[in-house]
Structures are given as C-alpha cells and as structure tokens.
Amino acid sequence: MTVPTQPLPPPAPADADPVLGPMLNDFVACVCAELAAIGRPACQCCLVWGDTIPPADFCDCDCNGGHGQAWVRVVRWDPPATVTPQLRRACVAWVTRVWIETGVYRCVPAVGPDGISGPTCQDRTDSAWGFIADARALRTAGACCAALNGKTIEFMQEEPTGVAGGCSGVSLQFTIDL
C-alpha cells in the first residue's frame, strides 16, 4: 500500500453529503453549546471518524474554563425501520437509518503522584455527578438541536465509557432516518 505524500483536501460538509453533512456540522455545534451551557465545556469538540469511540487523546486538557473532549460520529448506516420495496426507474436517493453517537471524556480521580494515595469518596462522587450532568447535556443536544427538526429520531442507548488512562465519560447513540 502506498501512502500519499499530501493528504487529500477535505470536501465541504454539503459536498461530502448534502443532507447528512450540514446536519452533523450543526449537531456538533449543538453538543458543544449544551456542554458549555451547563458550565462544562470541552476543549476539543468535533466530528470524528472510526468504528469505535475515539481514543481519549484530550481528556486531560484544560482550556479557557473547559476540560476534556467531546465528539460526534456516524456509527453505521442501516435500512430504515420500515422498508418499502420500490421499483427503480431512475436514480433515486437511498433512504437510510443513520446511527449517530455523541459523547464526552473527562479526567477521573486516580491514584496520586505518589502511586499510593487514591481518590476520596467525595472525589469519586463529584466526578460521577459531573458525568451525569454531561449525559443530560448530550440528551438535551439530541432532543433540542434545530438541525434535527423534522427528522425521525429514535434514542438507542446511553452508557458510561470504561475508565482508561485516567479518563472516562459517557456516550449516547440515536438513529435518524434520512
């Protein structure tokens, strides 16, 4: 396999997908805004690509009152919930059910620099309440983002992410029919 010397320039969201592209861009902005609205902005908040939740590369970053990283990603495309076979007569757009995930990582209390002292129960409790607030902000973004108006949306799951390298978080998945 050869690797190009220069990366391909990214297409504009509408050029990548005229329906999904602008909607995803706007939804990322909604997620970022909801986290900021509850006083828990993320330093990095972006659209990501991959077959699993993104690596927790920036969970420990601090920036202008923000902390951690947030993401939106497409999980997969499926046929819509109800499939009506159609006789194809000309070029037609596929109707798809798109699985979308949003999530956030933050640092969690961990063993101290001495390698012995651990977090207190209050440290763990405060962290848990922060993730519960993050989960609410992600649900609010999905429920209230104008970019999703007029679309058929179904909440699929919400769960904590595993603790790895001092990072943990929450992710939420929903489907949208396009």
N, C-alpha and C. Protein backbone atom coordinates (compact mmCIF):
# COMPACT_ATOMS: atom_id res chain seq x y z
N MET A 1 0.85 -1.18 0.00
CA MET A 1 0.00 0.00 0.00
C MET A 1 0.89 1.23 0.00
N THR A 2 0.58 2.18 -0.84
CA THR A 2 1.33 3.43 -0.87
C THR A 2 0.57 4.49 -0.09
N VAL A 3 1.31 5.37 0.51
CA VAL A 3 0.73 6.46 1.28
C VAL A 3 0.95 7.75 0.49
N PRO A 4 -0.13 8.52 0.24
CA PRO A 4 0.08 9.77 -0.49
C PRO A 4 0.95 10.72 0.32
N THR A 5 1.74 11.50 -0.39
CA THR A 5 2.64 12.44 0.29
C THR A 5 1.86 13.62 0.84
N GLN A 6 0.79 13.97 0.21
CA GLN A 6 -0.06 15.06 0.68
C GLN A 6 -1.47 14.50 0.92
N PRO A 7 -2.08 14.83 2.08
CA PRO A 7 -3.44 14.35 2.31
C PRO A 7 -4.41 15.00 1.32
N LEU A 8 -5.46 14.28 1.02
CA LEU A 8 -6.50 14.83 0.15
C LEU A 8 -7.20 15.97 0.87
N PRO A 9 -7.55 17.02 0.15
CA PRO A 9 -8.27 18.11 0.82
C PRO A 9 -9.67 17.63 1.20
N PRO A 10 -10.15 18.04 2.37
CA PRO A 10 -11.48 17.61 2.78
C PRO A 10 -12.57 18.32 1.97
N PRO A 11 -13.63 17.60 1.65
CA PRO A 11 -14.74 18.28 0.98
C PRO A 11 -15.53 19.10 2.01
N ALA A 12 -16.27 20.05 1.54
CA ALA A 12 -17.18 20.79 2.40
C ALA A 12 -18.27 19.83 2.86
N PRO A 13 -18.86 20.02 4.05
CA PRO A 13 -19.88 19.09 4.53
C PRO A 13 -20.99 18.81 3.51
N ALA A 14 -21.46 19.84 2.83
CA ALA A 14 -22.53 19.64 1.85
C ALA A 14 -22.04 18.89 0.63
N ASP A 15 -20.75 18.99 0.32
CA ASP A 15 -20.19 18.23 -0.80
C ASP A 15 -20.00 16.76 -0.41
N ALA A 16 -19.65 16.52 0.85
CA ALA A 16 -19.48 15.15 1.31
C ALA A 16 -20.82 14.42 1.31
N ASP A 17 -21.85 15.07 1.82
CA ASP A 17 -23.21 14.53 1.83
C ASP A 17 -24.15 15.71 2.04
N PRO A 18 -24.97 16.05 1.03
CA PRO A 18 -25.77 17.27 1.11
C PRO A 18 -26.82 17.27 2.22
N VAL A 19 -27.22 16.11 2.72
CA VAL A 19 -28.19 16.06 3.82
C VAL A 19 -27.48 15.84 5.16
N LEU A 20 -26.68 14.79 5.23
CA LEU A 20 -26.03 14.43 6.47
C LEU A 20 -24.94 15.42 6.88
N GLY A 21 -24.17 15.93 5.92
CA GLY A 21 -23.05 16.81 6.22
C GLY A 21 -23.43 18.05 7.02
N PRO A 22 -24.32 18.89 6.50
CA PRO A 22 -24.69 20.08 7.26
C PRO A 22 -25.37 19.75 8.59
N MET A 23 -26.17 18.67 8.60
CA MET A 23 -26.85 18.28 9.84
C MET A 23 -25.82 17.90 10.91
N LEU A 24 -24.81 17.11 10.54
CA LEU A 24 -23.78 16.73 11.50
C LEU A 24 -23.00 17.94 12.00
N ASN A 25 -22.65 18.84 11.09
CA ASN A 25 -21.93 20.06 11.49
C ASN A 25 -22.73 20.84 12.53
N ASP A 26 -24.01 21.00 12.26
CA ASP A 26 -24.86 21.75 13.19
C ASP A 26 -25.03 21.00 14.51
N PHE A 27 -25.12 19.66 14.45
CA PHE A 27 -25.28 18.89 15.67
C PHE A 27 -24.02 18.97 16.54
N VAL A 28 -22.85 18.96 15.93
CA VAL A 28 -21.61 19.15 16.70
C VAL A 28 -21.68 20.48 17.45
N ALA A 29 -22.12 21.52 16.76
CA ALA A 29 -22.23 22.84 17.40
C ALA A 29 -23.23 22.79 18.56
N CYS A 30 -24.32 22.05 18.41
CA CYS A 30 -25.30 21.92 19.49
C CYS A 30 -24.70 21.20 20.70
N VAL A 31 -23.95 20.13 20.46
CA VAL A 31 -23.32 19.39 21.56
C VAL A 31 -22.35 20.31 22.31
N CYS A 32 -21.51 21.02 21.57
CA CYS A 32 -20.54 21.93 22.18
C CYS A 32 -21.26 23.01 23.00
N ALA A 33 -22.32 23.56 22.45
CA ALA A 33 -23.07 24.63 23.12
C ALA A 33 -23.76 24.11 24.39
N GLU A 34 -24.33 22.91 24.35
CA GLU A 34 -25.01 22.37 25.53
C GLU A 34 -24.03 22.09 26.66
N LEU A 35 -22.86 21.56 26.33
CA LEU A 35 -21.85 21.34 27.37
C LEU A 35 -21.41 22.67 27.98
N ALA A 36 -21.23 23.67 27.13
CA ALA A 36 -20.85 25.00 27.64
C ALA A 36 -21.97 25.60 28.48
N ALA A 37 -23.22 25.38 28.08
CA ALA A 37 -24.36 25.96 28.79
C ALA A 37 -24.48 25.44 30.23
N ILE A 38 -24.01 24.21 30.48
CA ILE A 38 -24.07 23.70 31.85
C ILE A 38 -22.77 23.97 32.61
N GLY A 39 -21.88 24.77 32.00
CA GLY A 39 -20.63 25.14 32.65
C GLY A 39 -19.56 24.07 32.57
N ARG A 40 -19.70 23.13 31.60
CA ARG A 40 -18.73 22.05 31.45
C ARG A 40 -18.28 21.95 29.99
N PRO A 41 -17.73 23.04 29.43
CA PRO A 41 -17.29 22.98 28.03
C PRO A 41 -16.13 22.01 27.84
N ALA A 42 -16.01 21.50 26.64
CA ALA A 42 -14.89 20.62 26.29
C ALA A 42 -13.85 21.41 25.51
N CYS A 43 -12.58 21.08 25.70
CA CYS A 43 -11.52 21.76 24.96
C CYS A 43 -11.55 21.39 23.49
N GLN A 44 -11.88 20.16 23.23
CA GLN A 44 -11.98 19.69 21.84
C GLN A 44 -13.38 19.12 21.66
N CYS A 45 -14.08 19.59 20.65
CA CYS A 45 -15.46 19.17 20.40
C CYS A 45 -15.60 19.09 18.88
N CYS A 46 -15.61 17.85 18.34
CA CYS A 46 -15.54 17.75 16.89
C CYS A 46 -16.19 16.48 16.34
N LEU A 47 -16.34 16.47 15.05
CA LEU A 47 -16.79 15.29 14.30
C LEU A 47 -15.58 14.38 14.15
N VAL A 48 -15.75 13.09 14.46
CA VAL A 48 -14.66 12.13 14.34
C VAL A 48 -15.11 10.95 13.48
N TRP A 49 -14.15 10.18 13.03
CA TRP A 49 -14.41 9.01 12.19
C TRP A 49 -13.78 7.79 12.85
N GLY A 50 -14.44 6.67 12.79
CA GLY A 50 -13.87 5.44 13.30
C GLY A 50 -14.95 4.44 13.66
N ASP A 51 -14.55 3.19 13.83
CA ASP A 51 -15.53 2.14 14.10
C ASP A 51 -15.80 1.94 15.59
N THR A 52 -15.15 2.71 16.45
CA THR A 52 -15.41 2.68 17.89
C THR A 52 -15.32 4.11 18.41
N ILE A 53 -15.64 4.25 19.69
CA ILE A 53 -15.49 5.59 20.28
C ILE A 53 -14.04 6.04 20.09
N PRO A 54 -13.82 7.33 19.96
CA PRO A 54 -12.46 7.80 19.67
C PRO A 54 -11.53 7.58 20.86
N PRO A 55 -10.23 7.57 20.60
CA PRO A 55 -9.28 7.48 21.71
C PRO A 55 -9.41 8.72 22.60
N ALA A 56 -9.14 8.54 23.86
CA ALA A 56 -9.23 9.65 24.81
C ALA A 56 -7.92 10.45 24.78
N ASP A 57 -7.67 11.08 23.66
CA ASP A 57 -6.43 11.82 23.46
C ASP A 57 -6.36 13.14 24.23
N PHE A 58 -7.52 13.74 24.46
CA PHE A 58 -7.52 15.07 25.05
C PHE A 58 -8.37 15.15 26.32
N CYS A 59 -8.58 14.02 26.98
CA CYS A 59 -9.46 14.07 28.15
C CYS A 59 -8.86 14.92 29.27
N ASP A 60 -7.53 15.03 29.32
CA ASP A 60 -6.91 15.77 30.41
C ASP A 60 -6.54 17.21 30.05
N CYS A 61 -7.00 17.67 28.91
CA CYS A 61 -6.64 19.05 28.54
C CYS A 61 -7.49 20.05 29.32
N ASP A 62 -6.94 21.19 29.61
CA ASP A 62 -7.65 22.30 30.23
C ASP A 62 -7.51 23.50 29.31
N CYS A 63 -8.61 24.22 29.12
CA CYS A 63 -8.57 25.37 28.21
C CYS A 63 -9.65 26.37 28.58
N ASN A 64 -9.32 27.56 28.81
CA ASN A 64 -10.29 28.64 29.00
C ASN A 64 -11.55 28.20 29.74
N GLY A 65 -11.39 27.54 30.85
CA GLY A 65 -12.54 27.10 31.63
C GLY A 65 -13.12 25.78 31.18
N GLY A 66 -12.59 25.21 30.10
CA GLY A 66 -13.08 23.93 29.61
C GLY A 66 -12.18 22.79 30.03
N HIS A 67 -12.67 21.59 29.79
CA HIS A 67 -11.90 20.41 30.17
C HIS A 67 -12.39 19.22 29.34
N GLY A 68 -11.46 18.41 28.87
CA GLY A 68 -11.82 17.17 28.19
C GLY A 68 -12.11 17.32 26.71
N GLN A 69 -12.74 16.27 26.17
CA GLN A 69 -13.05 16.26 24.75
C GLN A 69 -14.45 15.70 24.53
N ALA A 70 -15.11 16.22 23.51
CA ALA A 70 -16.44 15.75 23.12
C ALA A 70 -16.41 15.41 21.65
N TRP A 71 -17.30 14.53 21.23
CA TRP A 71 -17.32 14.10 19.84
C TRP A 71 -18.72 13.77 19.37
N VAL A 72 -18.82 13.75 18.05
CA VAL A 72 -19.98 13.23 17.32
C VAL A 72 -19.40 12.34 16.24
N ARG A 73 -19.99 11.17 16.02
CA ARG A 73 -19.53 10.30 14.94
C ARG A 73 -20.70 9.51 14.38
N VAL A 74 -20.56 9.13 13.12
CA VAL A 74 -21.52 8.22 12.49
C VAL A 74 -21.07 6.81 12.85
N VAL A 75 -21.98 6.04 13.41
CA VAL A 75 -21.68 4.67 13.84
C VAL A 75 -21.88 3.71 12.67
N ARG A 76 -23.02 3.85 11.99
CA ARG A 76 -23.31 2.98 10.84
C ARG A 76 -24.56 3.47 10.14
N TRP A 77 -24.76 2.92 8.94
CA TRP A 77 -25.96 3.16 8.15
C TRP A 77 -26.72 1.84 8.05
N ASP A 78 -28.01 1.87 8.25
CA ASP A 78 -28.89 0.70 8.13
C ASP A 78 -30.05 1.04 7.22
N PRO A 79 -30.80 0.01 6.80
CA PRO A 79 -32.06 0.32 6.13
C PRO A 79 -32.99 1.00 7.13
N PRO A 80 -33.95 1.76 6.67
CA PRO A 80 -34.88 2.41 7.61
C PRO A 80 -35.69 1.36 8.36
N ALA A 81 -36.36 1.79 9.42
CA ALA A 81 -37.13 0.87 10.26
C ALA A 81 -38.19 0.12 9.44
N THR A 82 -38.83 0.81 8.55
CA THR A 82 -39.80 0.16 7.67
C THR A 82 -39.30 0.30 6.24
N VAL A 83 -39.15 -0.81 5.59
CA VAL A 83 -38.62 -0.83 4.23
C VAL A 83 -39.76 -1.12 3.27
N THR A 84 -39.93 -0.22 2.33
CA THR A 84 -40.93 -0.42 1.28
C THR A 84 -40.19 -0.62 -0.02
N PRO A 85 -40.24 -1.84 -0.56
CA PRO A 85 -39.55 -2.06 -1.84
C PRO A 85 -40.10 -1.13 -2.91
N GLN A 86 -39.20 -0.62 -3.74
CA GLN A 86 -39.59 0.30 -4.80
C GLN A 86 -39.03 -0.20 -6.12
N LEU A 87 -39.81 -0.02 -7.16
CA LEU A 87 -39.33 -0.32 -8.50
C LEU A 87 -38.44 0.86 -8.90
N ARG A 88 -37.21 0.59 -9.17
CA ARG A 88 -36.27 1.65 -9.52
C ARG A 88 -36.42 1.98 -10.99
N ARG A 89 -36.77 3.22 -11.27
CA ARG A 89 -36.95 3.68 -12.64
C ARG A 89 -35.88 4.69 -13.05
N ALA A 90 -35.29 5.34 -12.07
CA ALA A 90 -34.27 6.35 -12.33
C ALA A 90 -33.39 6.43 -11.09
N CYS A 91 -32.41 7.27 -11.12
CA CYS A 91 -31.54 7.46 -9.97
C CYS A 91 -32.38 7.96 -8.80
N VAL A 92 -32.37 7.22 -7.70
CA VAL A 92 -33.13 7.62 -6.52
C VAL A 92 -32.19 7.63 -5.32
N ALA A 93 -32.47 8.49 -4.38
CA ALA A 93 -31.67 8.54 -3.16
C ALA A 93 -32.09 7.39 -2.24
N TRP A 94 -31.11 6.73 -1.64
CA TRP A 94 -31.41 5.69 -0.67
C TRP A 94 -31.96 6.32 0.59
N VAL A 95 -32.97 5.73 1.14
CA VAL A 95 -33.45 6.13 2.46
C VAL A 95 -32.70 5.27 3.45
N THR A 96 -32.05 5.90 4.41
CA THR A 96 -31.24 5.15 5.37
C THR A 96 -31.56 5.57 6.80
N ARG A 97 -31.28 4.66 7.69
CA ARG A 97 -31.32 4.95 9.12
C ARG A 97 -29.86 5.09 9.54
N VAL A 98 -29.48 6.27 9.98
CA VAL A 98 -28.10 6.56 10.35
C VAL A 98 -27.99 6.52 11.88
N TRP A 99 -27.06 5.73 12.36
CA TRP A 99 -26.76 5.69 13.79
C TRP A 99 -25.73 6.77 14.08
N ILE A 100 -26.04 7.66 15.01
CA ILE A 100 -25.15 8.75 15.38
C ILE A 100 -24.82 8.62 16.86
N GLU A 101 -23.57 8.87 17.16
CA GLU A 101 -23.13 8.82 18.56
C GLU A 101 -22.55 10.16 18.93
N THR A 102 -22.79 10.55 20.15
CA THR A 102 -22.13 11.71 20.72
C THR A 102 -21.63 11.32 22.10
N GLY A 103 -20.56 11.93 22.50
CA GLY A 103 -20.01 11.57 23.80
C GLY A 103 -19.02 12.60 24.29
N VAL A 104 -18.57 12.39 25.51
CA VAL A 104 -17.60 13.28 26.12
C VAL A 104 -16.70 12.47 27.04
N TYR A 105 -15.42 12.82 27.07
CA TYR A 105 -14.45 12.25 28.00
C TYR A 105 -13.98 13.34 28.95
N ARG A 106 -13.71 12.95 30.17
CA ARG A 106 -13.11 13.85 31.15
C ARG A 106 -12.12 13.04 31.98
N CYS A 107 -11.24 13.72 32.67
CA CYS A 107 -10.37 13.04 33.63
C CYS A 107 -11.22 12.55 34.79
N VAL A 108 -10.81 11.43 35.36
CA VAL A 108 -11.48 10.91 36.55
C VAL A 108 -10.46 10.86 37.68
N PRO A 109 -10.92 10.90 38.91
CA PRO A 109 -9.99 10.80 40.04
C PRO A 109 -9.17 9.51 39.93
N ALA A 110 -7.89 9.62 40.19
CA ALA A 110 -7.00 8.46 40.06
C ALA A 110 -5.99 8.46 41.21
N VAL A 111 -5.16 7.47 41.22
CA VAL A 111 -4.10 7.38 42.21
C VAL A 111 -3.20 8.60 42.09
N GLY A 112 -2.78 9.12 43.22
CA GLY A 112 -1.97 10.33 43.24
C GLY A 112 -0.58 10.11 42.69
N PRO A 113 0.20 11.19 42.55
CA PRO A 113 1.55 11.10 42.00
C PRO A 113 2.47 10.19 42.82
N ASP A 114 2.14 10.00 44.10
CA ASP A 114 2.97 9.13 44.93
C ASP A 114 2.73 7.65 44.64
N GLY A 115 1.71 7.35 43.84
CA GLY A 115 1.40 5.97 43.49
C GLY A 115 0.71 5.20 44.59
N ILE A 116 0.39 5.87 45.67
CA ILE A 116 -0.22 5.19 46.82
C ILE A 116 -1.59 5.77 47.14
N SER A 117 -1.63 7.10 47.33
CA SER A 117 -2.88 7.72 47.75
C SER A 117 -3.89 7.70 46.60
N GLY A 118 -5.10 7.30 46.93
CA GLY A 118 -6.16 7.23 45.92
C GLY A 118 -7.15 8.36 46.10
N PRO A 119 -8.10 8.45 45.21
CA PRO A 119 -9.11 9.49 45.32
C PRO A 119 -10.02 9.23 46.51
N THR A 120 -10.56 10.29 47.03
CA THR A 120 -11.51 10.15 48.14
C THR A 120 -12.88 9.78 47.59
N CYS A 121 -13.73 9.35 48.48
CA CYS A 121 -15.11 9.06 48.09
C CYS A 121 -15.77 10.32 47.54
N GLN A 122 -15.47 11.47 48.12
CA GLN A 122 -16.05 12.73 47.63
C GLN A 122 -15.55 13.05 46.22
N ASP A 123 -14.26 12.78 45.95
CA ASP A 123 -13.72 12.98 44.60
C ASP A 123 -14.50 12.14 43.59
N ARG A 124 -14.72 10.87 43.93
CA ARG A 124 -15.45 9.97 43.02
C ARG A 124 -16.89 10.40 42.84
N THR A 125 -17.51 10.84 43.93
CA THR A 125 -18.91 11.29 43.87
C THR A 125 -19.02 12.53 43.00
N ASP A 126 -18.13 13.50 43.20
CA ASP A 126 -18.16 14.72 42.39
C ASP A 126 -17.98 14.38 40.91
N SER A 127 -17.08 13.47 40.59
CA SER A 127 -16.85 13.05 39.21
C SER A 127 -18.11 12.41 38.63
N ALA A 128 -18.75 11.54 39.40
CA ALA A 128 -19.96 10.88 38.93
C ALA A 128 -21.06 11.89 38.62
N TRP A 129 -21.26 12.88 39.50
CA TRP A 129 -22.28 13.90 39.25
C TRP A 129 -21.94 14.71 38.00
N GLY A 130 -20.66 14.95 37.77
CA GLY A 130 -20.27 15.66 36.55
C GLY A 130 -20.64 14.88 35.29
N PHE A 131 -20.41 13.57 35.31
CA PHE A 131 -20.77 12.75 34.15
C PHE A 131 -22.28 12.66 33.96
N ILE A 132 -23.02 12.67 35.06
CA ILE A 132 -24.48 12.66 34.96
C ILE A 132 -24.94 13.97 34.30
N ALA A 133 -24.30 15.08 34.66
CA ALA A 133 -24.63 16.37 34.02
C ALA A 133 -24.25 16.35 32.53
N ASP A 134 -23.09 15.76 32.21
CA ASP A 134 -22.69 15.64 30.81
C ASP A 134 -23.72 14.82 30.03
N ALA A 135 -24.18 13.71 30.62
CA ALA A 135 -25.17 12.86 29.94
C ALA A 135 -26.44 13.65 29.66
N ARG A 136 -26.87 14.45 30.62
CA ARG A 136 -28.07 15.28 30.40
C ARG A 136 -27.84 16.27 29.27
N ALA A 137 -26.66 16.87 29.21
CA ALA A 137 -26.36 17.84 28.14
C ALA A 137 -26.38 17.14 26.78
N LEU A 138 -25.86 15.93 26.68
CA LEU A 138 -25.88 15.20 25.41
C LEU A 138 -27.32 14.88 25.00
N ARG A 139 -28.14 14.46 25.98
CA ARG A 139 -29.56 14.19 25.66
C ARG A 139 -30.27 15.46 25.22
N THR A 140 -29.97 16.57 25.89
CA THR A 140 -30.59 17.85 25.52
C THR A 140 -30.19 18.25 24.11
N ALA A 141 -28.92 18.05 23.76
CA ALA A 141 -28.47 18.37 22.40
C ALA A 141 -29.26 17.55 21.38
N GLY A 142 -29.44 16.26 21.63
CA GLY A 142 -30.20 15.41 20.71
C GLY A 142 -31.67 15.78 20.66
N ALA A 143 -32.23 16.18 21.79
CA ALA A 143 -33.66 16.49 21.85
C ALA A 143 -33.99 17.88 21.32
N CYS A 144 -33.06 18.82 21.43
CA CYS A 144 -33.40 20.22 21.14
C CYS A 144 -32.67 20.84 19.96
N CYS A 145 -31.72 20.16 19.36
CA CYS A 145 -30.95 20.75 18.27
C CYS A 145 -31.84 20.99 17.04
N ALA A 146 -31.90 22.21 16.58
CA ALA A 146 -32.73 22.55 15.43
C ALA A 146 -32.33 21.79 14.18
N ALA A 147 -31.07 21.37 14.08
CA ALA A 147 -30.61 20.63 12.90
C ALA A 147 -31.34 19.30 12.74
N LEU A 148 -31.93 18.79 13.82
CA LEU A 148 -32.62 17.50 13.78
C LEU A 148 -34.13 17.64 13.63
N ASN A 149 -34.62 18.87 13.59
CA ASN A 149 -36.07 19.10 13.44
C ASN A 149 -36.58 18.48 12.15
N GLY A 150 -37.76 17.90 12.22
CA GLY A 150 -38.40 17.32 11.05
C GLY A 150 -37.86 15.94 10.68
N LYS A 151 -36.98 15.39 11.49
CA LYS A 151 -36.40 14.07 11.22
C LYS A 151 -37.00 13.04 12.18
N THR A 152 -37.05 11.80 11.75
CA THR A 152 -37.48 10.72 12.63
C THR A 152 -36.27 10.25 13.42
N ILE A 153 -36.34 10.44 14.75
CA ILE A 153 -35.22 10.14 15.62
C ILE A 153 -35.66 9.11 16.65
N GLU A 154 -34.76 8.17 16.95
CA GLU A 154 -35.04 7.18 17.98
C GLU A 154 -33.81 7.06 18.88
N PHE A 155 -34.02 7.27 20.17
CA PHE A 155 -32.96 7.10 21.17
C PHE A 155 -32.64 5.62 21.25
N MET A 156 -31.35 5.26 21.19
CA MET A 156 -30.97 3.85 21.19
C MET A 156 -30.31 3.43 22.51
N GLN A 157 -29.27 4.14 22.93
CA GLN A 157 -28.61 3.78 24.18
C GLN A 157 -27.75 4.92 24.68
N GLU A 158 -27.52 4.89 25.98
CA GLU A 158 -26.61 5.82 26.61
C GLU A 158 -25.89 5.03 27.68
N GLU A 159 -24.56 5.17 27.74
CA GLU A 159 -23.81 4.39 28.72
C GLU A 159 -22.49 5.07 29.06
N PRO A 160 -21.98 4.76 30.26
CA PRO A 160 -20.65 5.25 30.60
C PRO A 160 -19.60 4.58 29.72
N THR A 161 -18.50 5.28 29.49
CA THR A 161 -17.37 4.65 28.82
C THR A 161 -16.46 4.08 29.90
N GLY A 162 -15.69 3.10 29.56
CA GLY A 162 -14.79 2.50 30.53
C GLY A 162 -13.69 3.46 30.94
N VAL A 163 -13.18 3.27 32.13
CA VAL A 163 -12.07 4.09 32.61
C VAL A 163 -10.79 3.55 31.99
N ALA A 164 -10.04 4.42 31.34
CA ALA A 164 -8.77 4.03 30.73
C ALA A 164 -7.82 5.22 30.81
N GLY A 165 -6.66 4.99 31.37
CA GLY A 165 -5.65 6.04 31.43
C GLY A 165 -6.09 7.27 32.18
N GLY A 166 -6.93 7.12 33.18
CA GLY A 166 -7.40 8.27 33.95
C GLY A 166 -8.54 9.02 33.28
N CYS A 167 -9.12 8.45 32.22
CA CYS A 167 -10.22 9.08 31.50
C CYS A 167 -11.46 8.20 31.56
N SER A 168 -12.59 8.83 31.58
CA SER A 168 -13.86 8.13 31.46
C SER A 168 -14.84 9.11 30.84
N GLY A 169 -16.04 8.67 30.61
CA GLY A 169 -17.01 9.56 30.00
C GLY A 169 -18.36 8.91 29.84
N VAL A 170 -19.09 9.45 28.91
CA VAL A 170 -20.43 8.94 28.62
C VAL A 170 -20.65 9.07 27.12
N SER A 171 -21.36 8.10 26.55
CA SER A 171 -21.71 8.19 25.13
C SER A 171 -23.18 7.90 24.96
N LEU A 172 -23.76 8.48 23.96
CA LEU A 172 -25.17 8.35 23.65
C LEU A 172 -25.31 8.05 22.17
N GLN A 173 -26.18 7.12 21.82
CA GLN A 173 -26.44 6.80 20.41
C GLN A 173 -27.92 6.96 20.11
N PHE A 174 -28.19 7.49 18.94
CA PHE A 174 -29.57 7.59 18.46
C PHE A 174 -29.56 7.33 16.97
N THR A 175 -30.73 7.03 16.42
CA THR A 175 -30.83 6.86 14.98
C THR A 175 -31.67 7.99 14.42
N ILE A 176 -31.40 8.28 13.17
CA ILE A 176 -32.15 9.29 12.46
C ILE A 176 -32.39 8.78 11.04
N ASP A 177 -33.62 8.87 10.59
CA ASP A 177 -33.95 8.42 9.25
C ASP A 177 -33.76 9.56 8.26
N LEU A 178 -32.96 9.29 7.24
CA LEU A 178 -32.68 10.31 6.21
C LEU A 178 -33.03 9.73 4.85
